[in-house]
mmCIF file of all heavy atoms, coordinates in Angstrom:
data_MODEL
# 
_entry.id   MODEL 
# 
loop_
_atom_site.group_PDB 
_atom_site.id 
_atom_site.type_symbol 
_atom_site.label_atom_id 
_atom_site.label_alt_id 
_atom_site.label_comp_id 
_atom_site.label_asym_id 
_atom_site.label_entity_id 
_atom_site.label_seq_id 
_atom_site.pdbx_PDB_ins_code 
_atom_site.Cartn_x 
_atom_site.Cartn_y 
_atom_site.Cartn_z 
_atom_site.occupancy 
_atom_site.B_iso_or_equiv 
_atom_site.pdbx_formal_charge 
_atom_site.auth_seq_id 
_atom_site.auth_comp_id 
_atom_site.auth_asym_id 
_atom_site.auth_atom_id 
_atom_site.pdbx_PDB_model_num 
ATOM 1   N N   . CYS A 1 1  ? -37.858 37.397 -43.203 1.00 0.00 ? 1  CYS A N   1 
ATOM 2   C CA  . CYS A 1 1  ? -37.540 36.426 -42.165 1.00 0.00 ? 1  CYS A CA  1 
ATOM 3   C C   . CYS A 1 1  ? -38.750 36.132 -41.278 1.00 0.00 ? 1  CYS A C   1 
ATOM 4   O O   . CYS A 1 1  ? -39.657 36.943 -41.144 1.00 0.00 ? 1  CYS A O   1 
ATOM 5   C CB  . CYS A 1 1  ? -36.383 36.927 -41.303 1.00 0.00 ? 1  CYS A CB  1 
ATOM 6   S SG  . CYS A 1 1  ? -34.812 37.039 -42.173 1.00 0.00 ? 1  CYS A SG  1 
ATOM 7   N N   . VAL A 1 2  ? -38.721 34.947 -40.687 1.00 0.00 ? 2  VAL A N   1 
ATOM 8   C CA  . VAL A 1 2  ? -39.735 34.516 -39.732 1.00 0.00 ? 2  VAL A CA  1 
ATOM 9   C C   . VAL A 1 2  ? -39.015 34.118 -38.455 1.00 0.00 ? 2  VAL A C   1 
ATOM 10  O O   . VAL A 1 2  ? -37.960 33.483 -38.505 1.00 0.00 ? 2  VAL A O   1 
ATOM 11  C CB  . VAL A 1 2  ? -40.539 33.324 -40.294 1.00 0.00 ? 2  VAL A CB  1 
ATOM 12  C CG1 . VAL A 1 2  ? -41.453 32.735 -39.233 1.00 0.00 ? 2  VAL A CG1 1 
ATOM 13  C CG2 . VAL A 1 2  ? -41.340 33.757 -41.510 1.00 0.00 ? 2  VAL A CG2 1 
ATOM 14  N N   . ASN A 1 3  ? -39.564 34.507 -37.296 1.00 0.00 ? 3  ASN A N   1 
ATOM 15  C CA  . ASN A 1 3  ? -38.898 34.172 -36.034 1.00 0.00 ? 3  ASN A CA  1 
ATOM 16  C C   . ASN A 1 3  ? -39.756 33.252 -35.181 1.00 0.00 ? 3  ASN A C   1 
ATOM 17  O O   . ASN A 1 3  ? -40.980 33.247 -35.277 1.00 0.00 ? 3  ASN A O   1 
ATOM 18  C CB  . ASN A 1 3  ? -38.518 35.443 -35.260 1.00 0.00 ? 3  ASN A CB  1 
ATOM 19  C CG  . ASN A 1 3  ? -39.730 36.181 -34.710 1.00 0.00 ? 3  ASN A CG  1 
ATOM 20  O OD1 . ASN A 1 3  ? -40.244 35.840 -33.646 1.00 0.00 ? 3  ASN A OD1 1 
ATOM 21  N ND2 . ASN A 1 3  ? -40.178 37.218 -35.436 1.00 0.00 ? 3  ASN A ND2 1 
ATOM 22  N N   . LEU A 1 4  ? -39.078 32.462 -34.365 1.00 0.00 ? 4  LEU A N   1 
ATOM 23  C CA  . LEU A 1 4  ? -39.719 31.539 -33.439 1.00 0.00 ? 4  LEU A CA  1 
ATOM 24  C C   . LEU A 1 4  ? -39.103 31.748 -32.063 1.00 0.00 ? 4  LEU A C   1 
ATOM 25  O O   . LEU A 1 4  ? -37.878 31.687 -31.917 1.00 0.00 ? 4  LEU A O   1 
ATOM 26  C CB  . LEU A 1 4  ? -39.518 30.096 -33.899 1.00 0.00 ? 4  LEU A CB  1 
ATOM 27  C CG  . LEU A 1 4  ? -39.930 28.983 -32.928 1.00 0.00 ? 4  LEU A CG  1 
ATOM 28  C CD1 . LEU A 1 4  ? -41.437 29.008 -32.690 1.00 0.00 ? 4  LEU A CD1 1 
ATOM 29  C CD2 . LEU A 1 4  ? -39.490 27.626 -33.445 1.00 0.00 ? 4  LEU A CD2 1 
ATOM 30  N N   . VAL A 1 5  ? -39.928 32.010 -31.066 1.00 0.00 ? 5  VAL A N   1 
ATOM 31  C CA  . VAL A 1 5  ? -39.442 32.275 -29.708 1.00 0.00 ? 5  VAL A CA  1 
ATOM 32  C C   . VAL A 1 5  ? -39.964 31.199 -28.773 1.00 0.00 ? 5  VAL A C   1 
ATOM 33  O O   . VAL A 1 5  ? -41.161 30.898 -28.768 1.00 0.00 ? 5  VAL A O   1 
ATOM 34  C CB  . VAL A 1 5  ? -39.917 33.654 -29.204 1.00 0.00 ? 5  VAL A CB  1 
ATOM 35  C CG1 . VAL A 1 5  ? -39.439 33.899 -27.778 1.00 0.00 ? 5  VAL A CG1 1 
ATOM 36  C CG2 . VAL A 1 5  ? -39.419 34.753 -30.123 1.00 0.00 ? 5  VAL A CG2 1 
ATOM 37  N N   . TYR A 1 6  ? -39.057 30.603 -28.006 1.00 0.00 ? 6  TYR A N   1 
ATOM 38  C CA  . TYR A 1 6  ? -39.465 29.680 -26.950 1.00 0.00 ? 6  TYR A CA  1 
ATOM 39  C C   . TYR A 1 6  ? -38.649 29.987 -25.707 1.00 0.00 ? 6  TYR A C   1 
ATOM 40  O O   . TYR A 1 6  ? -37.474 29.652 -25.621 1.00 0.00 ? 6  TYR A O   1 
ATOM 41  C CB  . TYR A 1 6  ? -39.272 28.223 -27.373 1.00 0.00 ? 6  TYR A CB  1 
ATOM 42  C CG  . TYR A 1 6  ? -39.694 27.251 -26.291 1.00 0.00 ? 6  TYR A CG  1 
ATOM 43  C CD1 . TYR A 1 6  ? -41.042 27.097 -25.967 1.00 0.00 ? 6  TYR A CD1 1 
ATOM 44  C CD2 . TYR A 1 6  ? -38.758 26.530 -25.577 1.00 0.00 ? 6  TYR A CD2 1 
ATOM 45  C CE1 . TYR A 1 6  ? -41.433 26.237 -24.963 1.00 0.00 ? 6  TYR A CE1 1 
ATOM 46  C CE2 . TYR A 1 6  ? -39.146 25.659 -24.567 1.00 0.00 ? 6  TYR A CE2 1 
ATOM 47  C CZ  . TYR A 1 6  ? -40.482 25.526 -24.267 1.00 0.00 ? 6  TYR A CZ  1 
ATOM 48  O OH  . TYR A 1 6  ? -40.870 24.673 -23.261 1.00 0.00 ? 6  TYR A OH  1 
ATOM 49  N N   . VAL A 1 7  ? -39.269 30.669 -24.767 1.00 0.00 ? 7  VAL A N   1 
ATOM 50  C CA  . VAL A 1 7  ? -38.650 31.136 -23.524 1.00 0.00 ? 7  VAL A CA  1 
ATOM 51  C C   . VAL A 1 7  ? -37.407 31.957 -23.872 1.00 0.00 ? 7  VAL A C   1 
ATOM 52  O O   . VAL A 1 7  ? -37.535 33.054 -24.398 1.00 0.00 ? 7  VAL A O   1 
ATOM 53  C CB  . VAL A 1 7  ? -38.320 29.972 -22.574 1.00 0.00 ? 7  VAL A CB  1 
ATOM 54  C CG1 . VAL A 1 7  ? -38.004 30.510 -21.177 1.00 0.00 ? 7  VAL A CG1 1 
ATOM 55  C CG2 . VAL A 1 7  ? -39.506 29.007 -22.479 1.00 0.00 ? 7  VAL A CG2 1 
ATOM 56  N N   . TYR A 1 8  ? -36.200 31.434 -23.667 1.00 0.00 ? 8  TYR A N   1 
ATOM 57  C CA  . TYR A 1 8  ? -34.990 32.199 -23.977 1.00 0.00 ? 8  TYR A CA  1 
ATOM 58  C C   . TYR A 1 8  ? -34.340 31.758 -25.284 1.00 0.00 ? 8  TYR A C   1 
ATOM 59  O O   . TYR A 1 8  ? -33.231 32.164 -25.598 1.00 0.00 ? 8  TYR A O   1 
ATOM 60  C CB  . TYR A 1 8  ? -33.967 32.100 -22.835 1.00 0.00 ? 8  TYR A CB  1 
ATOM 61  C CG  . TYR A 1 8  ? -33.785 30.720 -22.287 1.00 0.00 ? 8  TYR A CG  1 
ATOM 62  C CD1 . TYR A 1 8  ? -33.018 29.776 -22.965 1.00 0.00 ? 8  TYR A CD1 1 
ATOM 63  C CD2 . TYR A 1 8  ? -34.377 30.347 -21.097 1.00 0.00 ? 8  TYR A CD2 1 
ATOM 64  C CE1 . TYR A 1 8  ? -32.855 28.506 -22.472 1.00 0.00 ? 8  TYR A CE1 1 
ATOM 65  C CE2 . TYR A 1 8  ? -34.227 29.070 -20.590 1.00 0.00 ? 8  TYR A CE2 1 
ATOM 66  C CZ  . TYR A 1 8  ? -33.458 28.147 -21.277 1.00 0.00 ? 8  TYR A CZ  1 
ATOM 67  O OH  . TYR A 1 8  ? -33.311 26.871 -20.784 1.00 0.00 ? 8  TYR A OH  1 
ATOM 68  N N   . ASN A 1 9  ? -35.014 30.891 -26.026 1.00 0.00 ? 9  ASN A N   1 
ATOM 69  C CA  . ASN A 1 9  ? -34.496 30.455 -27.324 1.00 0.00 ? 9  ASN A CA  1 
ATOM 70  C C   . ASN A 1 9  ? -35.093 31.307 -28.442 1.00 0.00 ? 9  ASN A C   1 
ATOM 71  O O   . ASN A 1 9  ? -36.271 31.666 -28.394 1.00 0.00 ? 9  ASN A O   1 
ATOM 72  C CB  . ASN A 1 9  ? -34.865 28.991 -27.582 1.00 0.00 ? 9  ASN A CB  1 
ATOM 73  C CG  . ASN A 1 9  ? -34.236 28.042 -26.581 1.00 0.00 ? 9  ASN A CG  1 
ATOM 74  O OD1 . ASN A 1 9  ? -33.084 27.656 -26.718 1.00 0.00 ? 9  ASN A OD1 1 
ATOM 75  N ND2 . ASN A 1 9  ? -34.989 27.683 -25.553 1.00 0.00 ? 9  ASN A ND2 1 
ATOM 76  N N   . LEU A 1 10 ? -34.295 31.600 -29.450 1.00 0.00 ? 10 LEU A N   1 
ATOM 77  C CA  . LEU A 1 10 ? -34.747 32.347 -30.620 1.00 0.00 ? 10 LEU A CA  1 
ATOM 78  C C   . LEU A 1 10 ? -34.216 31.664 -31.871 1.00 0.00 ? 10 LEU A C   1 
ATOM 79  O O   . LEU A 1 10 ? -33.022 31.389 -31.986 1.00 0.00 ? 10 LEU A O   1 
ATOM 80  C CB  . LEU A 1 10 ? -34.255 33.795 -30.578 1.00 0.00 ? 10 LEU A CB  1 
ATOM 81  C CG  . LEU A 1 10 ? -34.490 34.610 -31.852 1.00 0.00 ? 10 LEU A CG  1 
ATOM 82  C CD1 . LEU A 1 10 ? -35.984 34.810 -32.113 1.00 0.00 ? 10 LEU A CD1 1 
ATOM 83  C CD2 . LEU A 1 10 ? -33.769 35.954 -31.785 1.00 0.00 ? 10 LEU A CD2 1 
ATOM 84  N N   . VAL A 1 11 ? -35.131 31.383 -32.796 1.00 0.00 ? 11 VAL A N   1 
ATOM 85  C CA  . VAL A 1 11 ? -34.756 30.824 -34.084 1.00 0.00 ? 11 VAL A CA  1 
ATOM 86  C C   . VAL A 1 11 ? -35.275 31.765 -35.167 1.00 0.00 ? 11 VAL A C   1 
ATOM 87  O O   . VAL A 1 11 ? -36.432 32.197 -35.112 1.00 0.00 ? 11 VAL A O   1 
ATOM 88  C CB  . VAL A 1 11 ? -35.361 29.410 -34.297 1.00 0.00 ? 11 VAL A CB  1 
ATOM 89  C CG1 . VAL A 1 11 ? -34.891 28.823 -35.619 1.00 0.00 ? 11 VAL A CG1 1 
ATOM 90  C CG2 . VAL A 1 11 ? -35.008 28.493 -33.136 1.00 0.00 ? 11 VAL A CG2 1 
ATOM 91  N N   . VAL A 1 12 ? -34.419 32.101 -36.125 1.00 0.00 ? 12 VAL A N   1 
ATOM 92  C CA  . VAL A 1 12 ? -34.807 32.974 -37.235 1.00 0.00 ? 12 VAL A CA  1 
ATOM 93  C C   . VAL A 1 12 ? -34.681 32.186 -38.529 1.00 0.00 ? 12 VAL A C   1 
ATOM 94  O O   . VAL A 1 12 ? -33.618 31.629 -38.831 1.00 0.00 ? 12 VAL A O   1 
ATOM 95  C CB  . VAL A 1 12 ? -33.935 34.252 -37.294 1.00 0.00 ? 12 VAL A CB  1 
ATOM 96  C CG1 . VAL A 1 12 ? -34.329 35.105 -38.497 1.00 0.00 ? 12 VAL A CG1 1 
ATOM 97  C CG2 . VAL A 1 12 ? -34.081 35.047 -36.006 1.00 0.00 ? 12 VAL A CG2 1 
ATOM 98  N N   . PHE A 1 13 ? -35.775 32.117 -39.285 1.00 0.00 ? 13 PHE A N   1 
ATOM 99  C CA  . PHE A 1 13 ? -35.788 31.433 -40.578 1.00 0.00 ? 13 PHE A CA  1 
ATOM 100 C C   . PHE A 1 13 ? -35.789 32.473 -41.690 1.00 0.00 ? 13 PHE A C   1 
ATOM 101 O O   . PHE A 1 13 ? -36.438 33.531 -41.566 1.00 0.00 ? 13 PHE A O   1 
ATOM 102 C CB  . PHE A 1 13 ? -37.043 30.568 -40.722 1.00 0.00 ? 13 PHE A CB  1 
ATOM 103 C CG  . PHE A 1 13 ? -37.180 29.499 -39.672 1.00 0.00 ? 13 PHE A CG  1 
ATOM 104 C CD1 . PHE A 1 13 ? -37.900 29.745 -38.513 1.00 0.00 ? 13 PHE A CD1 1 
ATOM 105 C CD2 . PHE A 1 13 ? -36.592 28.263 -39.855 1.00 0.00 ? 13 PHE A CD2 1 
ATOM 106 C CE1 . PHE A 1 13 ? -38.032 28.759 -37.545 1.00 0.00 ? 13 PHE A CE1 1 
ATOM 107 C CE2 . PHE A 1 13 ? -36.713 27.270 -38.893 1.00 0.00 ? 13 PHE A CE2 1 
ATOM 108 C CZ  . PHE A 1 13 ? -37.443 27.517 -37.731 1.00 0.00 ? 13 PHE A CZ  1 
ATOM 109 N N   . GLY A 1 14 ? -35.101 32.170 -42.773 1.00 0.00 ? 14 GLY A N   1 
ATOM 110 C CA  . GLY A 1 14 ? -35.087 33.086 -43.904 1.00 0.00 ? 14 GLY A CA  1 
ATOM 111 C C   . GLY A 1 14 ? -34.453 32.434 -45.114 1.00 0.00 ? 14 GLY A C   1 
ATOM 112 O O   . GLY A 1 14 ? -33.910 31.321 -45.032 1.00 0.00 ? 14 GLY A O   1 
ATOM 113 N N   . THR A 1 15 ? -34.495 33.131 -46.233 1.00 0.00 ? 15 THR A N   1 
ATOM 114 C CA  . THR A 1 15 ? -33.911 32.613 -47.476 1.00 0.00 ? 15 THR A CA  1 
ATOM 115 C C   . THR A 1 15 ? -32.572 33.271 -47.801 1.00 0.00 ? 15 THR A C   1 
ATOM 116 O O   . THR A 1 15 ? -31.928 32.887 -48.779 1.00 0.00 ? 15 THR A O   1 
ATOM 117 C CB  . THR A 1 15 ? -34.883 32.835 -48.643 1.00 0.00 ? 15 THR A CB  1 
ATOM 118 O OG1 . THR A 1 15 ? -35.198 34.226 -48.732 1.00 0.00 ? 15 THR A OG1 1 
ATOM 119 C CG2 . THR A 1 15 ? -36.173 32.054 -48.431 1.00 0.00 ? 15 THR A CG2 1 
ATOM 120 N N   . CYS A 1 16 ? -32.158 34.234 -47.001 1.00 0.00 ? 16 CYS A N   1 
ATOM 121 C CA  . CYS A 1 16 ? -30.887 34.937 -47.218 1.00 0.00 ? 16 CYS A CA  1 
ATOM 122 C C   . CYS A 1 16 ? -30.034 34.832 -45.963 1.00 0.00 ? 16 CYS A C   1 
ATOM 123 O O   . CYS A 1 16 ? -30.438 35.299 -44.891 1.00 0.00 ? 16 CYS A O   1 
ATOM 124 C CB  . CYS A 1 16 ? -31.139 36.405 -47.574 1.00 0.00 ? 16 CYS A CB  1 
ATOM 125 S SG  . CYS A 1 16 ? -29.630 37.396 -47.717 1.00 0.00 ? 16 CYS A SG  1 
ATOM 126 N N   . GLN A 1 17 ? -28.858 34.237 -46.079 1.00 0.00 ? 17 GLN A N   1 
ATOM 127 C CA  . GLN A 1 17 ? -27.994 34.022 -44.920 1.00 0.00 ? 17 GLN A CA  1 
ATOM 128 C C   . GLN A 1 17 ? -27.578 35.343 -44.277 1.00 0.00 ? 17 GLN A C   1 
ATOM 129 O O   . GLN A 1 17 ? -27.568 35.472 -43.045 1.00 0.00 ? 17 GLN A O   1 
ATOM 130 C CB  . GLN A 1 17 ? -26.753 33.241 -45.332 1.00 0.00 ? 17 GLN A CB  1 
ATOM 131 C CG  . GLN A 1 17 ? -25.796 32.965 -44.178 1.00 0.00 ? 17 GLN A CG  1 
ATOM 132 C CD  . GLN A 1 17 ? -24.600 32.125 -44.595 1.00 0.00 ? 17 GLN A CD  1 
ATOM 133 O OE1 . GLN A 1 17 ? -24.513 31.678 -45.730 1.00 0.00 ? 17 GLN A OE1 1 
ATOM 134 N NE2 . GLN A 1 17 ? -23.669 31.906 -43.685 1.00 0.00 ? 17 GLN A NE2 1 
ATOM 135 N N   . VAL A 1 18 ? -27.258 36.328 -45.090 1.00 0.00 ? 18 VAL A N   1 
ATOM 136 C CA  . VAL A 1 18 ? -26.818 37.627 -44.556 1.00 0.00 ? 18 VAL A CA  1 
ATOM 137 C C   . VAL A 1 18 ? -27.927 38.271 -43.737 1.00 0.00 ? 18 VAL A C   1 
ATOM 138 O O   . VAL A 1 18 ? -27.692 38.805 -42.640 1.00 0.00 ? 18 VAL A O   1 
ATOM 139 C CB  . VAL A 1 18 ? -26.386 38.555 -45.710 1.00 0.00 ? 18 VAL A CB  1 
ATOM 140 C CG1 . VAL A 1 18 ? -26.051 39.947 -45.177 1.00 0.00 ? 18 VAL A CG1 1 
ATOM 141 C CG2 . VAL A 1 18 ? -25.174 37.971 -46.438 1.00 0.00 ? 18 VAL A CG2 1 
ATOM 142 N N   . THR A 1 19 ? -29.142 38.216 -44.237 1.00 0.00 ? 19 THR A N   1 
ATOM 143 C CA  . THR A 1 19 ? -30.270 38.821 -43.532 1.00 0.00 ? 19 THR A CA  1 
ATOM 144 C C   . THR A 1 19 ? -30.547 38.114 -42.214 1.00 0.00 ? 19 THR A C   1 
ATOM 145 O O   . THR A 1 19 ? -30.795 38.756 -41.188 1.00 0.00 ? 19 THR A O   1 
ATOM 146 C CB  . THR A 1 19 ? -31.534 38.790 -44.413 1.00 0.00 ? 19 THR A CB  1 
ATOM 147 O OG1 . THR A 1 19 ? -31.253 39.445 -45.648 1.00 0.00 ? 19 THR A OG1 1 
ATOM 148 C CG2 . THR A 1 19 ? -32.693 39.476 -43.718 1.00 0.00 ? 19 THR A CG2 1 
ATOM 149 N N   . VAL A 1 20 ? -30.510 36.787 -42.227 1.00 0.00 ? 20 VAL A N   1 
ATOM 150 C CA  . VAL A 1 20 ? -30.750 36.025 -41.000 1.00 0.00 ? 20 VAL A CA  1 
ATOM 151 C C   . VAL A 1 20 ? -29.696 36.346 -39.949 1.00 0.00 ? 20 VAL A C   1 
ATOM 152 O O   . VAL A 1 20 ? -30.015 36.586 -38.778 1.00 0.00 ? 20 VAL A O   1 
ATOM 153 C CB  . VAL A 1 20 ? -30.771 34.510 -41.300 1.00 0.00 ? 20 VAL A CB  1 
ATOM 154 C CG1 . VAL A 1 20 ? -30.790 33.707 -40.001 1.00 0.00 ? 20 VAL A CG1 1 
ATOM 155 C CG2 . VAL A 1 20 ? -31.975 34.163 -42.147 1.00 0.00 ? 20 VAL A CG2 1 
ATOM 156 N N   . ASP A 1 21 ? -28.435 36.372 -40.350 1.00 0.00 ? 21 ASP A N   1 
ATOM 157 C CA  . ASP A 1 21 ? -27.361 36.697 -39.407 1.00 0.00 ? 21 ASP A CA  1 
ATOM 158 C C   . ASP A 1 21 ? -27.525 38.110 -38.854 1.00 0.00 ? 21 ASP A C   1 
ATOM 159 O O   . ASP A 1 21 ? -27.270 38.361 -37.663 1.00 0.00 ? 21 ASP A O   1 
ATOM 160 C CB  . ASP A 1 21 ? -26.002 36.565 -40.088 1.00 0.00 ? 21 ASP A CB  1 
ATOM 161 C CG  . ASP A 1 21 ? -25.548 35.112 -40.208 1.00 0.00 ? 21 ASP A CG  1 
ATOM 162 O OD1 . ASP A 1 21 ? -26.007 34.280 -39.403 1.00 0.00 ? 21 ASP A OD1 1 
ATOM 163 O OD2 . ASP A 1 21 ? -24.745 34.811 -41.118 1.00 0.00 ? 21 ASP A OD2 1 
ATOM 164 N N   . ALA A 1 22 ? -27.956 39.034 -39.689 1.00 0.00 ? 22 ALA A N   1 
ATOM 165 C CA  . ALA A 1 22 ? -28.151 40.416 -39.241 1.00 0.00 ? 22 ALA A CA  1 
ATOM 166 C C   . ALA A 1 22 ? -29.264 40.502 -38.207 1.00 0.00 ? 22 ALA A C   1 
ATOM 167 O O   . ALA A 1 22 ? -29.146 41.226 -37.204 1.00 0.00 ? 22 ALA A O   1 
ATOM 168 C CB  . ALA A 1 22 ? -28.461 41.313 -40.441 1.00 0.00 ? 22 ALA A CB  1 
ATOM 169 N N   . GLU A 1 23 ? -30.355 39.768 -38.415 1.00 0.00 ? 23 GLU A N   1 
ATOM 170 C CA  . GLU A 1 23 ? -31.469 39.787 -37.460 1.00 0.00 ? 23 GLU A CA  1 
ATOM 171 C C   . GLU A 1 23 ? -31.064 39.130 -36.142 1.00 0.00 ? 23 GLU A C   1 
ATOM 172 O O   . GLU A 1 23 ? -31.445 39.589 -35.053 1.00 0.00 ? 23 GLU A O   1 
ATOM 173 C CB  . GLU A 1 23 ? -32.690 39.073 -38.050 1.00 0.00 ? 23 GLU A CB  1 
ATOM 174 C CG  . GLU A 1 23 ? -33.301 39.767 -39.247 1.00 0.00 ? 23 GLU A CG  1 
ATOM 175 C CD  . GLU A 1 23 ? -33.829 41.154 -38.906 1.00 0.00 ? 23 GLU A CD  1 
ATOM 176 O OE1 . GLU A 1 23 ? -34.207 41.382 -37.731 1.00 0.00 ? 23 GLU A OE1 1 
ATOM 177 O OE2 . GLU A 1 23 ? -33.840 42.020 -39.805 1.00 0.00 ? 23 GLU A OE2 1 
ATOM 178 N N   . LEU A 1 24 ? -30.279 38.062 -36.222 1.00 0.00 ? 24 LEU A N   1 
ATOM 179 C CA  . LEU A 1 24 ? -29.795 37.413 -35.012 1.00 0.00 ? 24 LEU A CA  1 
ATOM 180 C C   . LEU A 1 24 ? -28.888 38.337 -34.205 1.00 0.00 ? 24 LEU A C   1 
ATOM 181 O O   . LEU A 1 24 ? -28.943 38.372 -32.976 1.00 0.00 ? 24 LEU A O   1 
ATOM 182 C CB  . LEU A 1 24 ? -29.041 36.125 -35.370 1.00 0.00 ? 24 LEU A CB  1 
ATOM 183 C CG  . LEU A 1 24 ? -29.887 34.938 -35.804 1.00 0.00 ? 24 LEU A CG  1 
ATOM 184 C CD1 . LEU A 1 24 ? -28.996 33.825 -36.349 1.00 0.00 ? 24 LEU A CD1 1 
ATOM 185 C CD2 . LEU A 1 24 ? -30.727 34.415 -34.653 1.00 0.00 ? 24 LEU A CD2 1 
# 
């Protein structure tokens, strides 16, 4: 996964839905 942070926003990119949800 790759993450993007902007102040209080967080976006997580990935190729596996389960993994992205787990990181979030």
